[in-house]
Amino acid sequence: MTVEGTWDLAISTPIGTIDATVDLRTQDGVLSGTAHGSGEQVALRDVTFDGERLTWGQSITRPLRLDLAFAMTVDGATMTGTSKAGRLPASKVTGRRRDA
């Protein structure tokens, strides 16, 4: 199973649901990506995919300046998991792959 493609995410945070988009691509055997949301685009760090487990880190500045760690489980065209920012409680994340 490949995880490459465009994913629409919904992140349930204490300040409300935040919609984001993640684009994942493999180049020269390395999985990488970018995230778009809240009016900014950021590169993903340390993207790993092992079977069904997808993890990455990213820094954002909107709506707050945070360093996020995502831990997701991919099942076909859906993913579920959490986003964690330091000592803050984990936020539930759901995602769906866009049709190609």
C-alpha atoms as a PDB file:
ATOM      1  CA  MET A   1       0.000   0.000   0.000  1.00  0.00           C
ATOM      2  CA  THR A   2       1.239   3.460  -0.834  1.00  0.00           C
ATOM      3  CA  VAL A   3       0.592   6.539   1.261  1.00  0.00           C
ATOM      4  CA  GLU A   4       1.515   9.004  -1.455  1.00  0.00           C
ATOM      5  CA  GLY A   5      -1.069  11.535  -2.533  1.00  0.00           C
ATOM      6  CA  THR A   6      -3.105  14.410  -1.165  1.00  0.00           C
ATOM      7  CA  TRP A   7      -4.871  13.959   2.154  1.00  0.00           C
ATOM      8  CA  ASP A   8      -7.551  16.194   3.656  1.00  0.00           C
ATOM      9  CA  LEU A   9      -7.245  16.285   7.451  1.00  0.00           C
ATOM     10  CA  ALA A  10      -9.544  17.457  10.234  1.00  0.00           C
ATOM     11  CA  ILE A  11      -7.751  18.177  13.519  1.00  0.00           C
ATOM     12  CA  SER A  12     -10.005  18.447  16.584  1.00  0.00           C
ATOM     13  CA  THR A  13      -8.330  20.977  18.901  1.00  0.00           C
ATOM     14  CA  PRO A  14      -9.457  22.767  22.073  1.00  0.00           C
ATOM     15  CA  ILE A  15     -10.033  25.897  19.937  1.00  0.00           C
ATOM     16  CA  GLY A  16     -12.124  24.053  17.326  1.00  0.00           C
ATOM     17  CA  THR A  17     -11.612  21.865  14.283  1.00  0.00           C
ATOM     18  CA  ILE A  18      -8.800  22.879  11.976  1.00  0.00           C
ATOM     19  CA  ASP A  19      -8.842  21.699   8.364  1.00  0.00           C
ATOM     20  CA  ALA A  20      -5.507  21.006   6.706  1.00  0.00           C
ATOM     21  CA  THR A  21      -4.151  19.306   3.599  1.00  0.00           C
ATOM     22  CA  VAL A  22      -1.067  17.099   3.498  1.00  0.00           C
ATOM     23  CA  ASP A  23       0.720  16.216   0.249  1.00  0.00           C
ATOM     24  CA  LEU A  24       2.993  13.159   0.465  1.00  0.00           C
ATOM     25  CA  ARG A  25       5.489  12.214  -2.268  1.00  0.00           C
ATOM     26  CA  THR A  26       8.442   9.867  -2.668  1.00  0.00           C
ATOM     27  CA  GLN A  27      11.526  11.177  -4.420  1.00  0.00           C
ATOM     28  CA  ASP A  28      14.731   9.159  -4.737  1.00  0.00           C
ATOM     29  CA  GLY A  29      13.267   6.613  -2.303  1.00  0.00           C
ATOM     30  CA  VAL A  30      12.597   9.206   0.419  1.00  0.00           C
ATOM     31  CA  LEU A  31       9.077  10.018   1.616  1.00  0.00           C
ATOM     32  CA  SER A  32       8.499  13.740   2.147  1.00  0.00           C
ATOM     33  CA  GLY A  33       5.649  16.176   2.150  1.00  0.00           C
ATOM     34  CA  THR A  34       4.089  19.539   2.819  1.00  0.00           C
ATOM     35  CA  ALA A  35       1.109  20.648   4.871  1.00  0.00           C
ATOM     36  CA  HIS A  36      -1.279  23.475   3.994  1.00  0.00           C
ATOM     37  CA  GLY A  37      -3.690  25.065   6.434  1.00  0.00           C
ATOM     38  CA  SER A  38      -4.579  28.271   8.253  1.00  0.00           C
ATOM     39  CA  GLY A  39      -3.045  30.283   5.429  1.00  0.00           C
ATOM     40  CA  GLU A  40       0.433  28.765   5.561  1.00  0.00           C
ATOM     41  CA  GLN A  41       2.432  26.005   3.899  1.00  0.00           C
ATOM     42  CA  VAL A  42       5.082  24.087   5.844  1.00  0.00           C
ATOM     43  CA  ALA A  43       7.451  21.230   5.102  1.00  0.00           C
ATOM     44  CA  LEU A  44       7.008  17.967   6.979  1.00  0.00           C
ATOM     45  CA  ARG A  45       9.963  16.568   8.945  1.00  0.00           C
ATOM     46  CA  ASP A  46      11.015  12.976   9.576  1.00  0.00           C
ATOM     47  CA  VAL A  47       8.200  11.439   7.531  1.00  0.00           C
ATOM     48  CA  THR A  48       8.077   7.661   8.035  1.00  0.00           C
ATOM     49  CA  PHE A  49       5.629   5.045   6.817  1.00  0.00           C
ATOM     50  CA  ASP A  50       5.891   1.453   7.995  1.00  0.00           C
ATOM     51  CA  GLY A  51       3.056  -0.800   6.866  1.00  0.00           C
ATOM     52  CA  GLU A  52       0.100   1.157   8.190  1.00  0.00           C
ATOM     53  CA  ARG A  53       1.835   3.518  10.633  1.00  0.00           C
ATOM     54  CA  LEU A  54       2.579   7.063   9.364  1.00  0.00           C
ATOM     55  CA  THR A  55       4.418   9.645  11.469  1.00  0.00           C
ATOM     56  CA  TRP A  56       5.789  13.124  10.834  1.00  0.00           C
ATOM     57  CA  GLY A  57       6.648  16.397  12.533  1.00  0.00           C
ATOM     58  CA  GLN A  58       5.912  19.951  11.480  1.00  0.00           C
ATOM     59  CA  SER A  59       6.081  23.480  12.857  1.00  0.00           C
ATOM     60  CA  ILE A  60       3.219  25.943  12.475  1.00  0.00           C
ATOM     61  CA  THR A  61       2.752  29.614  13.308  1.00  0.00           C
ATOM     62  CA  ARG A  62      -1.049  29.876  12.924  1.00  0.00           C
ATOM     63  CA  PRO A  63      -3.283  29.908  14.868  1.00  0.00           C
ATOM     64  CA  LEU A  64      -0.460  29.460  17.431  1.00  0.00           C
ATOM     65  CA  ARG A  65       3.273  28.868  17.161  1.00  0.00           C
ATOM     66  CA  LEU A  66       3.570  25.120  17.805  1.00  0.00           C
ATOM     67  CA  ASP A  67       5.784  22.157  16.986  1.00  0.00           C
ATOM     68  CA  LEU A  68       3.481  19.229  16.163  1.00  0.00           C
ATOM     69  CA  ALA A  69       4.097  15.473  16.115  1.00  0.00           C
ATOM     70  CA  PHE A  70       1.606  13.370  14.154  1.00  0.00           C
ATOM     71  CA  ALA A  71       1.068   9.624  14.709  1.00  0.00           C
ATOM     72  CA  MET A  72      -1.419   8.145  12.257  1.00  0.00           C
ATOM     73  CA  THR A  73      -2.747   4.753  11.179  1.00  0.00           C
ATOM     74  CA  VAL A  74      -3.512   4.450   7.467  1.00  0.00           C
ATOM     75  CA  ASP A  75      -6.262   2.124   6.244  1.00  0.00           C
ATOM     76  CA  GLY A  76      -6.719   2.395   2.483  1.00  0.00           C
ATOM     77  CA  ALA A  77      -8.094   5.873   1.741  1.00  0.00           C
ATOM     78  CA  THR A  78      -8.519   6.915   5.390  1.00  0.00           C
ATOM     79  CA  MET A  79      -6.217   7.716   8.276  1.00  0.00           C
ATOM     80  CA  THR A  80      -6.823   8.292  11.969  1.00  0.00           C
ATOM     81  CA  GLY A  81      -4.563   9.245  14.821  1.00  0.00           C
ATOM     82  CA  THR A  82      -3.311  12.142  16.881  1.00  0.00           C
ATOM     83  CA  SER A  83      -1.363  15.356  16.717  1.00  0.00           C
ATOM     84  CA  LYS A  84       0.621  16.314  19.817  1.00  0.00           C
ATOM     85  CA  ALA A  85       2.148  19.685  20.667  1.00  0.00           C
ATOM     86  CA  GLY A  86       4.547  19.503  23.594  1.00  0.00           C
ATOM     87  CA  ARG A  87       2.736  19.239  26.919  1.00  0.00           C
ATOM     88  CA  LEU A  88      -0.666  20.049  25.447  1.00  0.00           C
ATOM     89  CA  PRO A  89      -3.203  17.205  25.232  1.00  0.00           C
ATOM     90  CA  ALA A  90      -3.195  15.207  22.004  1.00  0.00           C
ATOM     91  CA  SER A  91      -5.721  16.258  19.370  1.00  0.00           C
ATOM     92  CA  LYS A  92      -7.712  13.684  17.395  1.00  0.00           C
ATOM     93  CA  VAL A  93      -6.967  13.702  13.655  1.00  0.00           C
ATOM     94  CA  THR A  94      -8.947  12.100  10.837  1.00  0.00           C
ATOM     95  CA  GLY A  95      -8.048  12.141   7.172  1.00  0.00           C
ATOM     96  CA  ARG A  96      -9.234  11.038   3.769  1.00  0.00           C
ATOM     97  CA  ARG A  97      -7.198  10.670   0.584  1.00  0.00           C
ATOM     98  CA  ARG A  98      -8.448  12.769  -2.322  1.00  0.00           C
ATOM     99  CA  ASP A  99      -9.472  10.885  -5.440  1.00  0.00           C
ATOM    100  CA  ALA A 100      -6.744  10.932  -8.059  1.00  0.00           C
END
